[in-house]
Amino acid sequence: MQRIKVILGDITRLEVDAIVNAANSKLAGGGGVDGAIHRFAGPGLLEECATLGGCPTGSAKITAAYNLPAKYVIHAVGPVWHDGNSNEDELLAGCYRTSMELAVANNVRSISFPAISCGVYRFPIDRAARIAVREVTDFLKSNNTLEKVIFVCFDAAIKEAVETALAELGS
């Protein structure tokens, strides 16, 4: 699919309309992607997040991007991996769907996703990549608002998993 791109890089440096943050349910900043986004955005991001009342797992909320080159940050709260029998797949899928719905509602044309839940939340990378790619490709089939979706991978293993998932789905 021409509208999807996979890169190895730093999501905080992308000039897109929205970047997705792999957030915690308190929207309080943290480690990994979340910590990097909060550091680069500056204190205004945390102040705005504090007004949102948190976010349930499997959903997302949107804020301004402050000092980041993007216009918005979409904070998606992915599931912690337990055993695969605790609704993890559907919760992760919900992160991608809700993020894209928020993007469209805010006239976002370009969006970048990290590997939600694949860091300290321990979601299996190949499984997460298939879910992410399926949700994005399904959404793009019925929506033309999003012109560009970028999967921003923080290491080669994740990039390979996303590229494999794209190839398997024929995108």
Protein backbone atom coordinates (compact mmCIF):
# COMPACT_ATOMS: atom_id res chain seq x y z
CA MET A 1 0.00 0.00 0.00
CA GLN A 2 1.54 3.30 -1.14
CA ARG A 3 0.31 5.19 1.92
CA ILE A 4 2.31 3.06 4.38
CA LYS A 5 6.02 3.47 5.07
CA VAL A 6 8.31 1.61 7.48
CA ILE A 7 11.43 3.32 8.78
CA LEU A 8 14.11 2.83 11.40
CA GLY A 9 14.31 6.07 13.35
CA ASP A 10 13.34 8.48 16.08
CA ILE A 11 9.62 9.28 16.21
CA THR A 12 10.29 12.56 18.05
CA ARG A 13 12.06 14.00 14.98
CA LEU A 14 9.38 13.37 12.36
CA GLU A 15 7.58 16.24 10.71
CA VAL A 16 4.13 14.69 10.49
CA ASP A 17 0.74 15.93 11.60
CA ALA A 18 0.60 13.47 14.52
CA ILE A 19 2.90 11.09 16.31
CA VAL A 20 1.49 8.29 18.41
CA ASN A 21 2.89 7.87 21.89
CA ALA A 22 3.05 4.47 23.56
CA ALA A 23 1.65 5.93 26.77
CA ASN A 24 0.76 4.65 30.22
CA SER A 25 -2.81 4.86 31.50
CA LYS A 26 -2.07 7.88 33.70
CA LEU A 27 -0.61 9.80 30.72
CA ALA A 28 2.12 10.78 33.16
CA GLY A 29 5.21 10.25 31.04
CA GLY A 30 7.47 7.29 31.54
CA GLY A 31 10.33 5.49 29.87
CA GLY A 32 11.07 4.48 26.31
CA VAL A 33 9.11 6.25 23.57
CA ASP A 34 6.84 7.89 26.14
CA GLY A 35 9.76 9.40 28.04
CA ALA A 36 11.45 10.62 24.86
CA ILE A 37 8.26 12.28 23.60
CA HIS A 38 7.71 14.04 26.92
CA ARG A 39 11.35 15.20 27.11
CA PHE A 40 11.32 16.68 23.61
CA ALA A 41 7.82 18.15 23.86
CA GLY A 42 8.60 20.03 27.07
CA PRO A 43 6.57 20.54 30.25
CA GLY A 44 3.44 21.75 28.47
CA LEU A 45 2.71 18.22 27.29
CA LEU A 46 2.65 16.78 30.80
CA GLU A 47 0.53 19.72 31.99
CA GLU A 48 -2.05 19.10 29.26
CA CYS A 49 -2.01 15.33 29.88
CA ALA A 50 -2.79 15.98 33.55
CA THR A 51 -6.10 17.58 32.52
CA LEU A 52 -7.29 14.52 30.55
CA GLY A 53 -8.06 12.17 33.45
CA GLY A 54 -5.90 9.34 32.17
CA CYS A 55 -6.79 6.92 29.40
CA PRO A 56 -8.01 3.32 29.48
CA THR A 57 -5.91 0.53 28.00
CA GLY A 58 -6.81 -0.06 24.37
CA SER A 59 -7.79 3.55 23.74
CA ALA A 60 -6.13 6.89 23.00
CA LYS A 61 -6.35 10.63 23.63
CA ILE A 62 -4.93 13.58 21.70
CA THR A 63 -2.94 16.64 22.78
CA ALA A 64 -0.90 19.38 21.22
CA ALA A 65 2.72 18.46 20.44
CA TYR A 66 4.40 21.53 21.98
CA ASN A 67 8.13 21.54 21.07
CA LEU A 68 7.91 18.50 18.78
CA PRO A 69 7.87 19.01 14.99
CA ALA A 70 4.45 17.29 14.82
CA LYS A 71 1.17 19.15 15.40
CA TYR A 72 -0.35 16.56 17.73
CA VAL A 73 0.57 13.70 20.02
CA ILE A 74 -1.91 10.84 20.19
CA HIS A 75 -1.39 8.95 23.44
CA ALA A 76 -2.30 5.28 22.95
CA VAL A 77 -2.31 3.01 25.98
CA GLY A 78 -1.28 -0.48 24.95
CA PRO A 79 -1.73 -3.63 26.99
CA VAL A 80 0.90 -5.29 29.13
CA TRP A 81 1.52 -8.78 27.75
CA HIS A 82 0.51 -11.54 30.15
CA ASP A 83 -0.19 -14.78 28.34
CA GLY A 84 -2.17 -13.91 25.23
CA ASN A 85 -5.40 -14.92 26.96
CA SER A 86 -6.14 -11.59 28.64
CA ASN A 87 -7.64 -9.73 25.65
CA GLU A 88 -4.20 -8.31 24.74
CA ASP A 89 -4.73 -8.62 20.97
CA GLU A 90 -8.03 -6.72 20.97
CA LEU A 91 -6.68 -4.06 23.33
CA LEU A 92 -3.66 -3.48 21.08
CA ALA A 93 -5.89 -3.34 18.00
CA GLY A 94 -8.03 -0.76 19.80
CA CYS A 95 -4.98 1.48 20.25
CA TYR A 96 -4.43 1.64 16.51
CA ARG A 97 -8.11 2.07 15.63
CA THR A 98 -8.73 4.79 18.21
CA SER A 99 -5.54 6.61 17.22
CA MET A 100 -6.58 6.71 13.57
CA GLU A 101 -10.13 7.77 14.46
CA LEU A 102 -8.74 10.64 16.55
CA ALA A 103 -6.41 11.55 13.71
CA VAL A 104 -9.24 11.77 11.20
CA ALA A 105 -11.42 13.76 13.64
CA ASN A 106 -8.58 16.30 13.91
CA ASN A 107 -7.86 16.55 10.15
CA VAL A 108 -4.54 14.72 10.42
CA ARG A 109 -3.13 13.69 7.05
CA SER A 110 0.11 12.03 8.22
CA ILE A 111 0.64 9.92 11.32
CA SER A 112 3.51 7.89 12.73
CA PHE A 113 3.25 4.90 15.03
CA PRO A 114 5.85 3.35 17.33
CA ALA A 115 5.73 -0.35 18.19
CA ILE A 116 3.04 0.00 20.86
CA SER A 117 3.47 -2.39 23.81
CA CYS A 118 6.65 -3.97 22.38
CA GLY A 119 9.06 -2.44 24.90
CA VAL A 120 8.64 -2.83 28.64
CA TYR A 121 5.07 -4.14 28.13
CA ARG A 122 6.63 -7.26 26.48
CA PHE A 123 4.07 -7.81 23.70
CA PRO A 124 5.58 -10.34 21.22
CA ILE A 125 6.96 -8.29 18.34
CA ASP A 126 5.76 -10.45 15.42
CA ARG A 127 2.26 -10.70 16.86
CA ALA A 128 2.09 -6.96 17.56
CA ALA A 129 3.33 -6.15 14.05
CA ARG A 130 0.60 -8.29 12.45
CA ILE A 131 -2.07 -6.59 14.57
CA ALA A 132 -0.73 -3.11 13.79
CA VAL A 133 -0.48 -3.73 10.05
CA ARG A 134 -3.92 -5.36 9.89
CA GLU A 135 -5.58 -2.46 11.72
CA VAL A 136 -3.85 0.20 9.64
CA THR A 137 -4.48 -1.47 6.28
CA ASP A 138 -8.13 -2.17 7.14
CA PHE A 139 -8.63 1.44 8.22
CA LEU A 140 -6.98 2.86 5.11
CA LYS A 141 -9.21 0.74 2.84
CA SER A 142 -12.26 2.62 4.05
CA ASN A 143 -10.78 6.04 4.80
CA ASN A 144 -8.91 8.42 2.50
CA THR A 145 -8.20 11.16 5.05
CA LEU A 146 -4.91 9.64 6.17
CA GLU A 147 -2.48 10.12 3.31
CA LYS A 148 0.61 8.73 5.02
CA VAL A 149 1.11 6.24 7.86
CA ILE A 150 4.66 5.68 9.04
CA PHE A 151 5.68 2.80 11.27
CA VAL A 152 8.72 4.13 13.12
CA CYS A 153 10.81 1.25 14.40
CA PHE A 154 13.42 1.68 17.11
CA ASP A 155 15.40 -1.38 16.08
CA ALA A 156 15.97 -3.66 13.09
CA ALA A 157 14.01 -6.59 14.56
CA ILE A 158 10.84 -4.52 14.82
CA LYS A 159 11.35 -3.08 11.34
CA GLU A 160 11.71 -6.59 9.93
CA ALA A 161 8.59 -7.78 11.76
CA VAL A 162 6.51 -4.90 10.36
CA GLU A 163 7.85 -5.40 6.84
CA THR A 164 7.08 -9.12 7.07
CA ALA A 165 3.55 -8.40 8.27
CA LEU A 166 3.05 -5.98 5.37
CA ALA A 167 4.27 -8.60 2.90
CA GLU A 168 1.99 -11.27 4.41
CA LEU A 169 -1.05 -9.04 4.08
CA GLY A 170 -0.16 -8.21 0.49
CA SER A 171 0.16 -4.49 1.16
